[in-house]
Amino acid sequence: MGGIVANDPNEAVYLNAAIDSNGDELSSNKNYSIVFGSNGDTFPPIVSGFYGFWSLTMYGSDFNLVQGSDHYHINGSYPEYQELGADGTFKILIQATQPETQKGVYWLQTPDPAQAPNFYLILRVYIPDPEVSTTQTWKPPLIIPQP
């Protein structure tokens, strides 16, 4: 049962993703990136004057948080996730092994492929602007497979 205690859309919106930009199921055997700030992709808009925020959380195919990972969640309001890259982007690398990162690049650790080959992501937007909650005209950035 999903969303049994979910908020009203003006309080929070939950965007689920289990496929990448090619339409393939998200797999722990692959690497991905999500980039906010490129090609018109912006952070989820929040209602002005409120303390809304966004977060991105990874779950295993068992519907639980990724086991054995300390890097399964990024919260847009946390101080450690405030820096943008030199090009003005906020990049999230999604892969099993810790990458070399630089300013504005963050990591989500996928499950061990031998333990849980698939996963999904939930982008939560708290106090979302009507572009997210009502008109649904805001488009989240794509989940791009990496070579």
Protein backbone atom coordinates (compact mmCIF):
# COMPACT_ATOMS: atom_id res chain seq x y z
CA MET A 1 0.00 0.00 0.00
CA GLY A 2 1.55 3.25 -1.10
CA GLY A 3 0.60 6.69 0.10
CA ILE A 4 -1.74 5.52 2.82
CA VAL A 5 -0.75 8.52 4.97
CA ALA A 6 0.19 10.89 2.15
CA ASN A 7 -0.25 14.64 2.45
CA ASP A 8 -2.62 16.72 0.35
CA PRO A 9 -0.99 17.93 -2.91
CA ASN A 10 -0.69 21.50 -1.63
CA GLU A 11 1.39 20.12 1.28
CA ALA A 12 3.54 17.60 -0.57
CA VAL A 13 3.88 15.88 -3.94
CA TYR A 14 5.67 12.56 -4.40
CA LEU A 15 7.17 11.86 -7.83
CA ASN A 16 8.18 8.22 -8.28
CA ALA A 17 10.65 6.99 -10.90
CA ALA A 18 11.59 3.41 -11.73
CA ILE A 19 12.78 3.96 -15.30
CA ASP A 20 15.54 6.04 -16.89
CA SER A 21 15.36 8.49 -19.79
CA ASN A 22 15.56 5.57 -22.26
CA GLY A 23 12.55 3.85 -20.70
CA ASP A 24 14.68 1.11 -19.12
CA GLU A 25 14.19 -0.08 -15.55
CA LEU A 26 16.63 1.48 -13.08
CA SER A 27 19.37 -1.07 -12.42
CA SER A 28 22.13 -1.31 -9.82
CA ASN A 29 24.37 -2.57 -12.61
CA LYS A 30 24.32 0.86 -14.29
CA ASN A 31 25.40 4.41 -13.45
CA TYR A 32 23.08 7.42 -13.84
CA SER A 33 23.05 11.16 -13.40
CA ILE A 34 20.39 13.73 -12.63
CA VAL A 35 21.26 17.37 -13.25
CA PHE A 36 19.31 20.34 -11.94
CA GLY A 37 20.06 23.62 -13.67
CA SER A 38 20.82 22.45 -17.20
CA ASN A 39 18.58 22.61 -20.25
CA GLY A 40 15.93 24.55 -18.36
CA ASP A 41 15.66 21.97 -15.57
CA THR A 42 15.32 23.79 -12.27
CA PHE A 43 14.85 22.74 -8.69
CA PRO A 44 11.26 21.94 -7.79
CA PRO A 45 9.46 25.26 -7.28
CA ILE A 46 8.25 25.95 -3.75
CA VAL A 47 5.46 28.36 -2.69
CA SER A 48 7.15 31.68 -1.91
CA GLY A 49 7.18 32.72 1.75
CA PHE A 50 7.03 29.18 3.14
CA TYR A 51 9.72 26.79 4.31
CA GLY A 52 9.17 24.13 1.68
CA PHE A 53 11.94 21.90 0.41
CA TRP A 54 12.61 18.89 -1.79
CA SER A 55 14.29 15.56 -1.16
CA LEU A 56 15.32 12.60 -3.30
CA THR A 57 15.35 9.14 -1.70
CA MET A 58 16.35 5.77 -3.14
CA TYR A 59 14.51 2.56 -2.31
CA GLY A 60 15.32 -1.04 -3.12
CA SER A 61 12.92 -3.28 -5.00
CA ASP A 62 11.75 -4.54 -1.58
CA PHE A 63 10.23 -1.03 -0.97
CA ASN A 64 12.70 -0.34 1.86
CA LEU A 65 15.60 2.08 2.09
CA VAL A 66 18.73 0.80 0.40
CA GLN A 67 20.45 -1.60 2.79
CA GLY A 68 24.09 -0.95 3.66
CA SER A 69 24.14 2.60 2.28
CA ASP A 70 24.72 5.90 4.03
CA HIS A 71 24.11 7.71 0.72
CA TYR A 72 20.49 6.90 -0.17
CA HIS A 73 19.00 10.38 0.39
CA ILE A 74 19.60 14.00 -0.61
CA ASN A 75 17.62 16.75 1.10
CA GLY A 76 17.65 20.11 -0.65
CA SER A 77 17.41 21.99 2.66
CA TYR A 78 20.46 20.38 4.32
CA PRO A 79 23.57 22.61 4.48
CA GLU A 80 25.78 19.92 2.89
CA TYR A 81 23.65 20.04 -0.28
CA GLN A 82 23.74 23.76 -1.01
CA GLU A 83 26.70 24.18 -3.35
CA LEU A 84 26.30 24.40 -7.09
CA GLY A 85 28.98 23.54 -9.60
CA ALA A 86 31.01 26.21 -11.40
CA ASP A 87 28.53 25.92 -14.29
CA GLY A 88 25.56 26.59 -11.95
CA THR A 89 24.33 22.99 -11.91
CA PHE A 90 23.51 20.60 -9.09
CA LYS A 91 24.46 17.10 -10.21
CA ILE A 92 23.53 13.82 -8.56
CA LEU A 93 25.51 10.71 -9.54
CA ILE A 94 23.63 7.47 -8.94
CA GLN A 95 25.87 4.40 -8.80
CA ALA A 96 27.08 1.59 -6.55
CA THR A 97 30.64 2.81 -5.97
CA GLN A 98 31.57 6.20 -4.57
CA PRO A 99 32.64 8.51 -7.39
CA GLU A 100 35.18 11.27 -7.24
CA THR A 101 33.10 14.38 -6.67
CA GLN A 102 33.66 18.09 -6.92
CA LYS A 103 31.73 21.18 -5.88
CA GLY A 104 28.05 20.80 -6.81
CA VAL A 105 28.25 17.02 -7.40
CA TYR A 106 26.57 14.61 -5.00
CA TRP A 107 26.19 10.83 -4.76
CA LEU A 108 23.34 8.37 -4.22
CA GLN A 109 24.55 4.81 -3.66
CA THR A 110 22.61 2.13 -5.50
CA PRO A 111 22.05 -1.26 -3.88
CA ASP A 112 24.65 -4.01 -4.29
CA PRO A 113 23.71 -5.55 -7.66
CA ALA A 114 24.11 -9.07 -6.21
CA GLN A 115 21.68 -8.26 -3.40
CA ALA A 116 19.12 -6.02 -5.12
CA PRO A 117 19.48 -5.46 -8.85
CA ASN A 118 16.74 -2.84 -9.16
CA PHE A 119 15.72 0.30 -7.30
CA TYR A 120 13.44 3.30 -7.61
CA LEU A 121 13.55 6.96 -6.60
CA ILE A 122 11.03 9.25 -4.95
CA LEU A 123 11.37 13.01 -5.37
CA ARG A 124 9.33 14.64 -2.63
CA VAL A 125 8.39 18.31 -2.88
CA TYR A 126 7.07 19.88 0.32
CA ILE A 127 4.93 23.03 0.00
CA PRO A 128 5.11 22.75 -3.79
CA ASP A 129 4.29 25.58 -6.13
CA PRO A 130 1.13 24.97 -8.22
CA GLU A 131 3.44 24.14 -11.17
CA VAL A 132 4.16 20.92 -9.26
CA SER A 133 0.91 20.30 -7.39
CA THR A 134 -1.92 21.64 -9.52
CA THR A 135 -1.03 22.35 -13.15
CA GLN A 136 1.80 19.79 -13.08
CA THR A 137 3.74 21.82 -15.65
CA TRP A 138 7.10 21.56 -13.84
CA LYS A 139 9.20 18.80 -15.36
CA PRO A 140 11.80 17.08 -13.20
CA PRO A 141 15.21 16.46 -14.73
CA LEU A 142 15.77 13.19 -16.54
CA ILE A 143 17.57 10.18 -15.07
CA ILE A 144 20.33 9.78 -17.64
CA PRO A 145 22.28 6.49 -18.00
CA GLN A 146 26.05 7.06 -18.00
CA PRO A 147 28.59 5.17 -20.10
